[in-house]
């Protein structure tokens, strides 16, 4: 996930047709497609880790994150394999005021990102409060899920460098969560087992 944003072609997002044609755009976006697929596989393990302790709000976050990841995977797939063909054969469609970068098309892209970001933000807050997963990772998830979803230049105000930093934080948080789930680690204090004593005669 982090590599996808770090290696994203310069010139802003959405990129110009020249930036797409002059870079390994499809290869770079394939990283994003793979990341979304892996997230879909990992989310059930995350919620199963402490569903009883997380509470109902966690299921809301899970649903938003799962649907958002699914939709964003579709956006990534379109970006990876359709956008390069458009850039090479009909670059005017990718102009700042072109049909791809204006409503209603751009709204479909934005909805996927918003659902994805809000879902992981909720999961980060719930995980931080429940203290089942490492707190540092949950804190990074909260910050990363906000920064990574800031409106990018030239459409928005956030430079791609800032979003790349958010992606690194997001990736570090996922790594921390993933390792904790895989290793069975917990931040909750372990209670030593007690030996039952026989009742006095």
N, C-alpha and C. Protein backbone atom coordinates (compact mmCIF):
# COMPACT_ATOMS: atom_id res chain seq x y z
N UNK A 1 0.82 -1.20 0.00
CA UNK A 1 0.00 0.00 0.00
C UNK A 1 0.86 1.26 0.00
N UNK A 2 1.85 1.29 0.89
CA UNK A 2 2.71 2.46 0.97
C UNK A 2 3.47 2.68 -0.33
N UNK A 3 3.96 1.58 -0.93
CA UNK A 3 4.71 1.70 -2.18
C UNK A 3 3.85 2.29 -3.29
N UNK A 4 2.57 1.95 -3.30
CA UNK A 4 1.68 2.48 -4.32
C UNK A 4 1.67 4.00 -4.30
N UNK A 5 1.56 4.58 -3.11
CA UNK A 5 1.50 6.03 -3.02
C UNK A 5 2.88 6.66 -3.18
N UNK A 6 3.90 6.02 -2.64
CA UNK A 6 5.25 6.57 -2.75
C UNK A 6 5.71 6.61 -4.21
N UNK A 7 5.35 5.59 -4.97
CA UNK A 7 5.78 5.50 -6.37
C UNK A 7 4.81 6.14 -7.34
N UNK A 8 3.76 6.77 -6.83
CA UNK A 8 2.75 7.36 -7.71
C UNK A 8 3.39 8.43 -8.60
N UNK A 9 3.06 8.44 -9.91
CA UNK A 9 3.66 9.43 -10.82
C UNK A 9 3.41 10.85 -10.35
N UNK A 10 4.36 11.72 -10.59
CA UNK A 10 4.24 13.12 -10.20
C UNK A 10 3.20 13.85 -11.02
N UNK A 11 2.96 15.09 -10.64
CA UNK A 11 2.01 15.90 -11.39
C UNK A 11 0.63 15.94 -10.78
N UNK A 12 0.45 15.30 -9.65
CA UNK A 12 -0.84 15.37 -8.98
C UNK A 12 -1.69 14.14 -9.24
N UNK A 13 -2.83 14.13 -8.58
CA UNK A 13 -3.78 13.03 -8.72
C UNK A 13 -5.18 13.64 -8.78
N UNK A 14 -5.89 13.52 -9.89
CA UNK A 14 -5.58 12.66 -11.04
C UNK A 14 -4.40 13.18 -11.86
N UNK A 15 -3.65 12.28 -12.46
CA UNK A 15 -2.47 12.68 -13.22
C UNK A 15 -2.86 13.18 -14.61
N UNK A 16 -1.93 13.83 -15.25
CA UNK A 16 -2.14 14.21 -16.63
C UNK A 16 -1.91 13.00 -17.54
N UNK A 17 -2.40 13.11 -18.78
CA UNK A 17 -2.18 12.02 -19.74
C UNK A 17 -0.70 11.83 -19.99
N UNK A 18 0.07 12.92 -20.01
CA UNK A 18 1.51 12.82 -20.25
C UNK A 18 2.19 12.05 -19.12
N UNK A 19 1.76 12.29 -17.88
CA UNK A 19 2.36 11.59 -16.74
C UNK A 19 2.07 10.10 -16.80
N UNK A 20 0.88 9.74 -17.27
CA UNK A 20 0.51 8.33 -17.36
C UNK A 20 1.33 7.63 -18.44
N UNK A 21 1.40 8.25 -19.62
CA UNK A 21 2.10 7.63 -20.74
C UNK A 21 3.59 7.53 -20.48
N UNK A 22 4.14 8.51 -19.76
CA UNK A 22 5.58 8.55 -19.55
C UNK A 22 6.06 7.88 -18.29
N UNK A 23 5.25 7.00 -17.70
CA UNK A 23 5.64 6.34 -16.45
C UNK A 23 5.09 4.91 -16.45
N UNK A 24 5.62 4.05 -15.56
CA UNK A 24 5.07 2.69 -15.44
C UNK A 24 3.77 2.71 -14.64
N UNK A 25 2.80 3.43 -15.16
CA UNK A 25 1.55 3.69 -14.43
C UNK A 25 0.80 2.40 -14.11
N UNK A 26 0.67 1.52 -15.11
CA UNK A 26 -0.07 0.27 -14.89
C UNK A 26 0.62 -0.59 -13.84
N UNK A 27 1.94 -0.68 -13.90
CA UNK A 27 2.67 -1.49 -12.94
C UNK A 27 2.52 -0.94 -11.53
N UNK A 28 2.63 0.38 -11.41
CA UNK A 28 2.51 1.01 -10.10
C UNK A 28 1.12 0.82 -9.52
N UNK A 29 0.08 0.93 -10.36
CA UNK A 29 -1.28 0.76 -9.87
C UNK A 29 -1.63 -0.70 -9.62
N UNK A 30 -0.88 -1.61 -10.22
CA UNK A 30 -1.07 -3.03 -9.90
C UNK A 30 -0.75 -3.28 -8.43
N UNK A 31 0.22 -2.52 -7.89
CA UNK A 31 0.50 -2.62 -6.45
C UNK A 31 -0.74 -2.25 -5.64
N UNK A 32 -1.46 -1.22 -6.09
CA UNK A 32 -2.68 -0.82 -5.40
C UNK A 32 -3.75 -1.88 -5.48
N UNK A 33 -3.91 -2.50 -6.65
CA UNK A 33 -4.89 -3.58 -6.81
C UNK A 33 -4.56 -4.73 -5.87
N UNK A 34 -3.29 -5.11 -5.82
CA UNK A 34 -2.87 -6.20 -4.94
C UNK A 34 -3.09 -5.84 -3.47
N UNK A 35 -2.82 -4.58 -3.11
CA UNK A 35 -3.02 -4.15 -1.72
C UNK A 35 -4.48 -4.25 -1.33
N UNK A 36 -5.39 -3.84 -2.21
CA UNK A 36 -6.81 -3.92 -1.89
C UNK A 36 -7.26 -5.36 -1.72
N UNK A 37 -6.75 -6.25 -2.57
CA UNK A 37 -7.11 -7.67 -2.45
C UNK A 37 -6.63 -8.25 -1.11
N UNK A 38 -5.42 -7.89 -0.70
CA UNK A 38 -4.89 -8.38 0.57
C UNK A 38 -5.67 -7.81 1.75
N UNK A 39 -6.10 -6.56 1.63
CA UNK A 39 -6.89 -5.96 2.71
C UNK A 39 -8.22 -6.69 2.86
N UNK A 40 -8.85 -7.05 1.76
CA UNK A 40 -10.11 -7.78 1.83
C UNK A 40 -9.93 -9.12 2.54
N UNK A 41 -8.78 -9.75 2.34
CA UNK A 41 -8.51 -11.02 3.01
C UNK A 41 -8.19 -10.83 4.49
N UNK A 42 -7.57 -9.71 4.83
CA UNK A 42 -7.15 -9.49 6.21
C UNK A 42 -8.21 -8.91 7.12
N UNK A 43 -9.18 -8.21 6.57
CA UNK A 43 -10.19 -7.56 7.41
C UNK A 43 -10.99 -8.54 8.27
N UNK A 44 -11.42 -9.69 7.73
CA UNK A 44 -12.15 -10.63 8.60
C UNK A 44 -11.33 -11.10 9.80
N UNK A 45 -10.02 -11.29 9.61
CA UNK A 45 -9.17 -11.70 10.73
C UNK A 45 -9.09 -10.60 11.77
N UNK A 46 -9.09 -9.35 11.29
CA UNK A 46 -9.01 -8.22 12.22
C UNK A 46 -10.24 -8.15 13.11
N UNK A 47 -11.41 -8.27 12.51
CA UNK A 47 -12.63 -8.16 13.31
C UNK A 47 -12.84 -9.39 14.17
N UNK A 48 -12.37 -10.55 13.69
CA UNK A 48 -12.53 -11.77 14.48
C UNK A 48 -11.63 -11.78 15.70
N UNK A 49 -10.57 -10.95 15.68
CA UNK A 49 -9.60 -10.94 16.79
C UNK A 49 -10.28 -10.60 18.12
N UNK A 50 -11.24 -9.67 18.07
CA UNK A 50 -11.87 -9.29 19.33
C UNK A 50 -13.26 -8.74 19.12
N UNK A 51 -14.06 -9.46 18.32
CA UNK A 51 -15.39 -8.96 17.98
C UNK A 51 -16.23 -8.70 19.23
N UNK A 52 -16.15 -9.60 20.21
CA UNK A 52 -16.96 -9.43 21.40
C UNK A 52 -16.55 -8.20 22.19
N UNK A 53 -15.26 -7.87 22.16
CA UNK A 53 -14.78 -6.74 22.95
C UNK A 53 -14.92 -5.42 22.20
N UNK A 54 -14.90 -5.47 20.88
CA UNK A 54 -14.96 -4.24 20.10
C UNK A 54 -16.31 -3.54 20.23
N UNK A 55 -17.39 -4.27 20.20
CA UNK A 55 -18.70 -3.66 20.28
C UNK A 55 -19.32 -3.40 18.91
N UNK A 56 -20.57 -2.94 18.87
CA UNK A 56 -21.29 -2.77 17.61
C UNK A 56 -20.64 -1.78 16.65
N UNK A 57 -20.01 -0.73 17.19
CA UNK A 57 -19.42 0.29 16.32
C UNK A 57 -18.33 -0.31 15.44
N UNK A 58 -17.68 -1.35 15.94
CA UNK A 58 -16.62 -1.98 15.16
C UNK A 58 -17.18 -2.63 13.91
N UNK A 59 -18.38 -3.19 14.01
CA UNK A 59 -18.99 -3.81 12.84
C UNK A 59 -19.35 -2.76 11.79
N UNK A 60 -19.70 -1.57 12.24
CA UNK A 60 -19.94 -0.47 11.30
C UNK A 60 -18.65 -0.10 10.58
N UNK A 61 -17.55 0.02 11.35
CA UNK A 61 -16.26 0.30 10.74
C UNK A 61 -15.84 -0.79 9.80
N UNK A 62 -16.07 -2.05 10.20
CA UNK A 62 -15.71 -3.17 9.35
C UNK A 62 -16.48 -3.13 8.03
N UNK A 63 -17.79 -2.86 8.11
CA UNK A 63 -18.61 -2.81 6.89
C UNK A 63 -18.15 -1.69 5.97
N UNK A 64 -17.88 -0.51 6.54
CA UNK A 64 -17.42 0.62 5.73
C UNK A 64 -16.06 0.31 5.10
N UNK A 65 -15.15 -0.25 5.91
CA UNK A 65 -13.82 -0.55 5.39
C UNK A 65 -13.87 -1.63 4.32
N UNK A 66 -14.70 -2.66 4.53
CA UNK A 66 -14.78 -3.76 3.57
C UNK A 66 -15.38 -3.28 2.24
N UNK A 67 -16.51 -2.59 2.32
CA UNK A 67 -17.14 -2.08 1.09
C UNK A 67 -16.24 -1.06 0.42
N UNK A 68 -15.63 -0.16 1.21
CA UNK A 68 -14.73 0.83 0.65
C UNK A 68 -13.53 0.20 -0.03
N UNK A 69 -12.97 -0.83 0.59
CA UNK A 69 -11.82 -1.53 0.00
C UNK A 69 -12.22 -2.20 -1.30
N UNK A 70 -13.38 -2.82 -1.31
CA UNK A 70 -13.88 -3.48 -2.52
C UNK A 70 -14.05 -2.46 -3.65
N UNK A 71 -14.69 -1.33 -3.35
CA UNK A 71 -14.92 -0.31 -4.38
C UNK A 71 -13.61 0.33 -4.82
N UNK A 72 -12.73 0.60 -3.85
CA UNK A 72 -11.46 1.23 -4.20
C UNK A 72 -10.59 0.29 -5.03
N UNK A 73 -10.74 -1.01 -4.80
CA UNK A 73 -10.04 -1.97 -5.64
C UNK A 73 -10.50 -1.85 -7.09
N UNK A 74 -11.79 -1.61 -7.29
CA UNK A 74 -12.30 -1.39 -8.64
C UNK A 74 -11.74 -0.13 -9.26
N UNK A 75 -11.63 0.92 -8.45
CA UNK A 75 -11.04 2.18 -8.94
C UNK A 75 -9.58 1.95 -9.35
N UNK A 76 -8.85 1.22 -8.50
CA UNK A 76 -7.45 0.92 -8.81
C UNK A 76 -7.32 0.11 -10.09
N UNK A 77 -8.21 -0.87 -10.26
CA UNK A 77 -8.19 -1.70 -11.46
C UNK A 77 -8.43 -0.84 -12.70
N UNK A 78 -9.41 0.05 -12.61
CA UNK A 78 -9.69 0.96 -13.72
C UNK A 78 -8.48 1.85 -14.01
N UNK A 79 -7.88 2.38 -12.95
CA UNK A 79 -6.70 3.23 -13.12
C UNK A 79 -5.54 2.45 -13.73
N UNK A 80 -5.37 1.22 -13.31
CA UNK A 80 -4.20 0.45 -13.74
C UNK A 80 -4.27 0.05 -15.21
N UNK A 81 -5.45 -0.34 -15.67
CA UNK A 81 -5.51 -0.99 -16.98
C UNK A 81 -6.38 -0.26 -18.02
N UNK A 82 -7.21 0.68 -17.60
CA UNK A 82 -8.05 1.43 -18.55
C UNK A 82 -7.50 2.82 -18.78
N UNK A 83 -7.06 3.47 -17.72
CA UNK A 83 -6.56 4.84 -17.84
C UNK A 83 -5.37 4.94 -18.81
N UNK A 84 -4.40 4.00 -18.79
CA UNK A 84 -3.31 4.11 -19.77
C UNK A 84 -3.79 4.08 -21.21
N UNK A 85 -4.82 3.27 -21.50
CA UNK A 85 -5.36 3.23 -22.86
C UNK A 85 -6.04 4.55 -23.21
N UNK A 86 -6.74 5.13 -22.24
CA UNK A 86 -7.37 6.43 -22.48
C UNK A 86 -6.31 7.50 -22.69
N UNK A 87 -5.27 7.48 -21.87
CA UNK A 87 -4.21 8.49 -21.99
C UNK A 87 -3.53 8.43 -23.34
N UNK A 88 -3.38 7.24 -23.88
CA UNK A 88 -2.68 7.08 -25.16
C UNK A 88 -3.57 7.40 -26.36
N UNK A 89 -4.88 7.19 -26.23
CA UNK A 89 -5.75 7.30 -27.40
C UNK A 89 -6.78 8.43 -27.32
N UNK A 90 -7.14 8.85 -26.12
CA UNK A 90 -8.11 9.94 -25.97
C UNK A 90 -7.73 10.79 -24.78
N UNK A 91 -6.55 11.44 -24.83
CA UNK A 91 -6.05 12.17 -23.65
C UNK A 91 -6.95 13.31 -23.19
N UNK A 92 -7.76 13.85 -24.09
CA UNK A 92 -8.62 14.98 -23.69
C UNK A 92 -9.63 14.57 -22.62
N UNK A 93 -9.96 13.29 -22.55
CA UNK A 93 -10.89 12.82 -21.52
C UNK A 93 -10.31 12.99 -20.12
N UNK A 94 -8.97 13.10 -20.04
CA UNK A 94 -8.31 13.21 -18.74
C UNK A 94 -7.95 14.64 -18.37
N UNK A 95 -8.41 15.61 -19.17
CA UNK A 95 -8.18 17.01 -18.82
C UNK A 95 -8.81 17.32 -17.47
N UNK A 96 -8.34 18.37 -16.84
CA UNK A 96 -8.87 18.75 -15.52
C UNK A 96 -10.38 18.94 -15.55
N UNK A 97 -10.90 19.43 -16.66
CA UNK A 97 -12.34 19.63 -16.80
C UNK A 97 -12.98 18.57 -17.69
N UNK A 98 -12.25 17.47 -17.93
CA UNK A 98 -12.75 16.39 -18.77
C UNK A 98 -13.74 15.52 -18.03
N UNK A 99 -14.40 14.62 -18.75
CA UNK A 99 -15.46 13.80 -18.14
C UNK A 99 -14.99 12.85 -17.05
N UNK A 100 -13.72 12.44 -17.07
CA UNK A 100 -13.23 11.53 -16.04
C UNK A 100 -13.01 12.26 -14.71
N UNK A 101 -12.64 13.53 -14.79
CA UNK A 101 -12.28 14.29 -13.58
C UNK A 101 -13.35 15.27 -13.14
N UNK A 102 -14.56 15.11 -13.64
CA UNK A 102 -15.68 15.95 -13.23
C UNK A 102 -16.87 15.05 -12.90
N UNK A 103 -17.87 15.58 -12.17
CA UNK A 103 -19.05 14.76 -11.86
C UNK A 103 -19.76 14.32 -13.14
N UNK A 104 -20.38 13.15 -13.14
CA UNK A 104 -20.55 12.25 -11.99
C UNK A 104 -19.41 11.25 -11.78
N UNK A 105 -18.50 11.12 -12.78
CA UNK A 105 -17.46 10.09 -12.68
C UNK A 105 -16.58 10.30 -11.46
N UNK A 106 -16.15 11.54 -11.22
CA UNK A 106 -15.22 11.77 -10.12
C UNK A 106 -15.87 11.51 -8.77
N UNK A 107 -17.21 11.67 -8.69
CA UNK A 107 -17.90 11.40 -7.44
C UNK A 107 -17.86 9.91 -7.10
N UNK A 108 -17.95 9.08 -8.14
CA UNK A 108 -17.87 7.63 -7.90
C UNK A 108 -16.51 7.25 -7.33
N UNK A 109 -15.45 7.87 -7.85
CA UNK A 109 -14.11 7.61 -7.32
C UNK A 109 -14.00 8.11 -5.88
N UNK A 110 -14.58 9.29 -5.62
CA UNK A 110 -14.46 9.89 -4.29
C UNK A 110 -15.21 9.08 -3.24
N UNK A 111 -16.39 8.57 -3.57
CA UNK A 111 -17.18 7.80 -2.61
C UNK A 111 -16.41 6.58 -2.14
N UNK A 112 -15.75 5.90 -3.07
CA UNK A 112 -14.96 4.72 -2.69
C UNK A 112 -13.88 5.09 -1.69
N UNK A 113 -13.17 6.18 -1.94
CA UNK A 113 -12.10 6.61 -1.03
C UNK A 113 -12.62 7.04 0.33
N UNK A 114 -13.75 7.73 0.35
CA UNK A 114 -14.32 8.20 1.63
C UNK A 114 -14.77 7.03 2.48
N UNK A 115 -15.49 6.08 1.89
CA UNK A 115 -15.92 4.91 2.65
C UNK A 115 -14.72 4.15 3.20
N UNK A 116 -13.71 3.98 2.38
CA UNK A 116 -12.50 3.28 2.79
C UNK A 116 -11.82 3.97 3.96
N UNK A 117 -11.63 5.29 3.82
CA UNK A 117 -10.94 6.04 4.86
C UNK A 117 -11.70 6.09 6.17
N UNK A 118 -13.02 6.34 6.10
CA UNK A 118 -13.83 6.41 7.31
C UNK A 118 -13.87 5.06 8.00
N UNK A 119 -13.96 3.99 7.21
CA UNK A 119 -13.99 2.65 7.80
C UNK A 119 -12.75 2.35 8.61
N UNK A 120 -11.59 2.63 8.06
CA UNK A 120 -10.35 2.36 8.79
C UNK A 120 -10.14 3.33 9.94
N UNK A 121 -10.65 4.54 9.81
CA UNK A 121 -10.58 5.49 10.93
C UNK A 121 -11.38 4.96 12.11
N UNK A 122 -12.58 4.47 11.84
CA UNK A 122 -13.41 3.91 12.91
C UNK A 122 -12.74 2.69 13.53
N UNK A 123 -12.19 1.82 12.69
CA UNK A 123 -11.50 0.63 13.22
C UNK A 123 -10.30 1.02 14.07
N UNK A 124 -9.59 2.06 13.66
CA UNK A 124 -8.45 2.51 14.45
C UNK A 124 -8.86 3.02 15.81
N UNK A 125 -9.94 3.80 15.85
CA UNK A 125 -10.43 4.34 17.13
C UNK A 125 -10.91 3.21 18.03
N UNK A 126 -11.66 2.27 17.45
CA UNK A 126 -12.19 1.16 18.25
C UNK A 126 -11.05 0.29 18.79
N UNK A 127 -10.06 0.00 17.93
CA UNK A 127 -8.94 -0.83 18.37
C UNK A 127 -8.13 -0.14 19.45
N UNK A 128 -7.99 1.18 19.35
CA UNK A 128 -7.25 1.92 20.37
C UNK A 128 -7.96 1.85 21.71
N UNK A 129 -9.26 1.98 21.70
CA UNK A 129 -10.04 1.97 22.95
C UNK A 129 -10.12 0.56 23.53
N UNK A 130 -10.24 -0.45 22.65
CA UNK A 130 -10.38 -1.82 23.15
C UNK A 130 -9.06 -2.38 23.67
N UNK A 131 -7.94 -1.84 23.18
CA UNK A 131 -6.61 -2.25 23.66
C UNK A 131 -6.32 -3.72 23.43
N UNK A 132 -6.88 -4.28 22.35
CA UNK A 132 -6.57 -5.67 22.01
C UNK A 132 -5.35 -5.73 21.10
N UNK A 133 -5.23 -4.74 20.23
CA UNK A 133 -4.10 -4.65 19.31
C UNK A 133 -3.14 -3.58 19.81
N UNK A 134 -1.89 -3.57 19.34
CA UNK A 134 -0.91 -2.59 19.82
C UNK A 134 -1.43 -1.15 19.67
N UNK A 135 -1.32 -0.38 20.74
CA UNK A 135 -1.84 0.99 20.72
C UNK A 135 -1.10 1.86 19.71
N UNK A 136 0.21 1.65 19.56
CA UNK A 136 0.96 2.48 18.62
C UNK A 136 0.45 2.27 17.20
N UNK A 137 0.11 1.01 16.87
CA UNK A 137 -0.39 0.73 15.53
C UNK A 137 -1.77 1.35 15.33
N UNK A 138 -2.61 1.28 16.34
CA UNK A 138 -3.94 1.87 16.24
C UNK A 138 -3.86 3.39 16.11
N UNK A 139 -2.93 4.00 16.84
CA UNK A 139 -2.73 5.44 16.72
C UNK A 139 -2.26 5.84 15.33
N UNK A 140 -1.33 5.07 14.78
CA UNK A 140 -0.87 5.34 13.42
C UNK A 140 -1.99 5.16 12.41
N UNK A 141 -2.87 4.19 12.65
CA UNK A 141 -3.99 3.97 11.75
C UNK A 141 -4.92 5.18 11.74
N UNK A 142 -5.17 5.75 12.90
CA UNK A 142 -6.05 6.91 12.99
C UNK A 142 -5.46 8.07 12.18
N UNK A 143 -4.19 8.36 12.42
CA UNK A 143 -3.54 9.47 11.71
C UNK A 143 -3.41 9.15 10.22
N UNK A 144 -2.95 7.94 9.91
CA UNK A 144 -2.73 7.58 8.52
C UNK A 144 -3.99 7.57 7.69
N UNK A 145 -5.09 7.07 8.26
CA UNK A 145 -6.34 7.00 7.50
C UNK A 145 -6.90 8.39 7.21
N UNK A 146 -6.54 9.38 8.03
CA UNK A 146 -6.97 10.76 7.76
C UNK A 146 -6.09 11.38 6.69
N UNK A 147 -4.77 11.30 6.88
CA UNK A 147 -3.84 11.97 5.97
C UNK A 147 -3.91 11.37 4.57
N UNK A 148 -4.03 10.04 4.48
CA UNK A 148 -4.01 9.38 3.18
C UNK A 148 -5.24 9.74 2.34
N UNK A 149 -6.30 10.23 3.00
CA UNK A 149 -7.54 10.57 2.30
C UNK A 149 -7.75 12.07 2.13
N UNK A 150 -6.72 12.87 2.40
CA UNK A 150 -6.84 14.30 2.12
C UNK A 150 -6.97 14.52 0.62
N UNK A 151 -7.75 15.51 0.20
CA UNK A 151 -7.93 15.76 -1.24
C UNK A 151 -6.59 16.11 -1.89
N UNK A 152 -6.15 15.32 -2.87
CA UNK A 152 -4.82 15.55 -3.46
C UNK A 152 -4.82 16.70 -4.46
N UNK A 153 -3.68 17.32 -4.60
CA UNK A 153 -3.50 18.30 -5.67
C UNK A 153 -3.54 17.57 -7.02
N UNK A 154 -4.04 18.19 -8.10
CA UNK A 154 -4.48 19.58 -8.21
C UNK A 154 -5.94 19.79 -7.86
N UNK A 155 -6.70 18.71 -7.63
CA UNK A 155 -8.12 18.86 -7.30
C UNK A 155 -8.27 19.43 -5.90
N UNK A 156 -7.47 18.96 -4.94
CA UNK A 156 -7.55 19.40 -3.57
C UNK A 156 -6.34 20.20 -3.16
N UNK A 157 -6.07 20.24 -1.86
CA UNK A 157 -5.01 21.08 -1.31
C UNK A 157 -3.78 20.30 -0.87
N UNK A 158 -3.89 18.98 -0.74
CA UNK A 158 -2.81 18.19 -0.15
C UNK A 158 -1.79 17.78 -1.20
N UNK A 159 -0.51 18.08 -0.99
CA UNK A 159 0.53 17.59 -1.91
C UNK A 159 0.66 16.08 -1.82
N UNK A 160 1.10 15.47 -2.92
CA UNK A 160 1.24 14.02 -2.93
C UNK A 160 2.25 13.53 -1.90
N UNK A 161 3.24 14.37 -1.57
CA UNK A 161 4.22 13.97 -0.56
C UNK A 161 3.55 13.74 0.78
N UNK A 162 2.62 14.61 1.16
CA UNK A 162 1.91 14.45 2.43
C UNK A 162 1.08 13.18 2.42
N UNK A 163 0.43 12.90 1.30
CA UNK A 163 -0.39 11.69 1.20
C UNK A 163 0.50 10.45 1.23
N UNK A 164 1.69 10.54 0.64
CA UNK A 164 2.62 9.42 0.69
C UNK A 164 3.06 9.14 2.13
N UNK A 165 3.27 10.21 2.91
CA UNK A 165 3.61 10.03 4.33
C UNK A 165 2.46 9.35 5.06
N UNK A 166 1.23 9.77 4.76
CA UNK A 166 0.07 9.12 5.35
C UNK A 166 -0.01 7.65 4.98
N UNK A 167 0.37 7.33 3.74
CA UNK A 167 0.36 5.93 3.30
C UNK A 167 1.39 5.11 4.06
N UNK A 168 2.55 5.69 4.35
CA UNK A 168 3.57 4.99 5.12
C UNK A 168 3.06 4.71 6.54
N UNK A 169 2.40 5.69 7.14
CA UNK A 169 1.83 5.49 8.48
C UNK A 169 0.75 4.41 8.45
N UNK A 170 -0.09 4.47 7.42
CA UNK A 170 -1.15 3.49 7.26
C UNK A 170 -0.57 2.08 7.10
N UNK A 171 0.47 1.96 6.28
CA UNK A 171 1.11 0.67 6.08
C UNK A 171 1.78 0.15 7.33
N UNK A 172 2.41 1.05 8.09
CA UNK A 172 3.04 0.64 9.35
C UNK A 172 1.99 0.15 10.34
N UNK A 173 0.84 0.82 10.37
CA UNK A 173 -0.24 0.40 11.27
C UNK A 173 -0.76 -0.98 10.89
N UNK A 174 -0.96 -1.20 9.59
CA UNK A 174 -1.41 -2.52 9.14
C UNK A 174 -0.40 -3.60 9.49
N UNK A 175 0.89 -3.28 9.35
CA UNK A 175 1.93 -4.24 9.70
C UNK A 175 1.88 -4.59 11.18
N UNK A 176 1.71 -3.57 12.01
CA UNK A 176 1.62 -3.80 13.45
C UNK A 176 0.41 -4.64 13.82
N UNK A 177 -0.72 -4.32 13.23
CA UNK A 177 -1.92 -5.12 13.48
C UNK A 177 -1.74 -6.56 12.99
N UNK A 178 -1.22 -6.68 11.77
CA UNK A 178 -1.05 -8.00 11.18
C UNK A 178 -0.13 -8.88 12.00
N UNK A 179 0.98 -8.32 12.47
CA UNK A 179 1.91 -9.11 13.27
C UNK A 179 1.27 -9.53 14.59
N UNK A 180 0.51 -8.60 15.20
CA UNK A 180 -0.13 -8.93 16.46
C UNK A 180 -1.14 -10.06 16.29
N UNK A 181 -1.90 -10.02 15.19
CA UNK A 181 -2.89 -11.07 14.94
C UNK A 181 -2.19 -12.40 14.64
N UNK A 182 -1.14 -12.34 13.83
CA UNK A 182 -0.43 -13.56 13.44
C UNK A 182 0.28 -14.21 14.62
N UNK A 183 0.87 -13.38 15.48
CA UNK A 183 1.65 -13.91 16.60
C UNK A 183 0.80 -14.18 17.84
N UNK A 184 -0.43 -13.67 17.84
CA UNK A 184 -1.27 -13.85 19.01
C UNK A 184 -0.93 -12.90 20.13
N UNK A 185 -0.14 -11.85 19.81
CA UNK A 185 0.24 -10.88 20.84
C UNK A 185 -0.95 -10.04 21.24
N UNK A 186 -0.93 -9.56 22.46
CA UNK A 186 -2.01 -8.71 22.97
C UNK A 186 -1.41 -7.68 23.90
N UNK A 187 -2.05 -6.49 23.93
CA UNK A 187 -1.58 -5.48 24.86
C UNK A 187 -2.32 -5.58 26.19
N UNK A 188 -3.28 -6.48 26.27
CA UNK A 188 -3.98 -6.65 27.52
C UNK A 188 -3.10 -7.40 28.51
N UNK A 189 -3.13 -7.05 29.79
CA UNK A 189 -2.32 -7.78 30.76
C UNK A 189 -2.75 -9.22 30.87
N UNK A 190 -1.78 -10.10 30.94
CA UNK A 190 -2.08 -11.52 31.10
C UNK A 190 -2.32 -11.83 32.58
N UNK A 191 -3.30 -12.62 32.82
CA UNK A 191 -3.63 -13.00 34.18
C UNK A 191 -3.09 -14.39 34.43
N UNK A 192 -2.29 -14.53 35.46
CA UNK A 192 -1.70 -15.84 35.76
C UNK A 192 -2.80 -16.81 36.19
N UNK A 193 -2.74 -18.04 35.70
CA UNK A 193 -3.77 -19.02 36.09
C UNK A 193 -3.70 -19.31 37.58
N UNK A 194 -4.83 -19.52 38.18
CA UNK A 194 -4.89 -19.82 39.62
C UNK A 194 -5.26 -21.26 39.82
N UNK A 195 -4.73 -21.83 40.85
CA UNK A 195 -5.02 -23.22 41.19
C UNK A 195 -6.12 -23.28 42.23
N UNK A 196 -7.14 -24.01 41.93
CA UNK A 196 -8.25 -24.09 42.86
C UNK A 196 -7.82 -24.78 44.16
N UNK A 197 -8.20 -24.20 45.26
CA UNK A 197 -7.85 -24.77 46.55
C UNK A 197 -9.03 -25.61 47.07
N UNK A 198 -8.74 -26.72 47.67
CA UNK A 198 -9.84 -27.54 48.20
C UNK A 198 -10.56 -26.83 49.34
N UNK A 199 -11.82 -27.02 49.40
CA UNK A 199 -12.62 -26.38 50.45
C UNK A 199 -12.25 -27.00 51.79
N UNK A 200 -12.19 -26.17 52.86
CA UNK A 200 -11.84 -26.71 54.18
C UNK A 200 -12.89 -27.72 54.65
N UNK A 201 -12.42 -28.75 55.30
CA UNK A 201 -13.33 -29.82 55.78
C UNK A 201 -14.17 -29.29 56.95
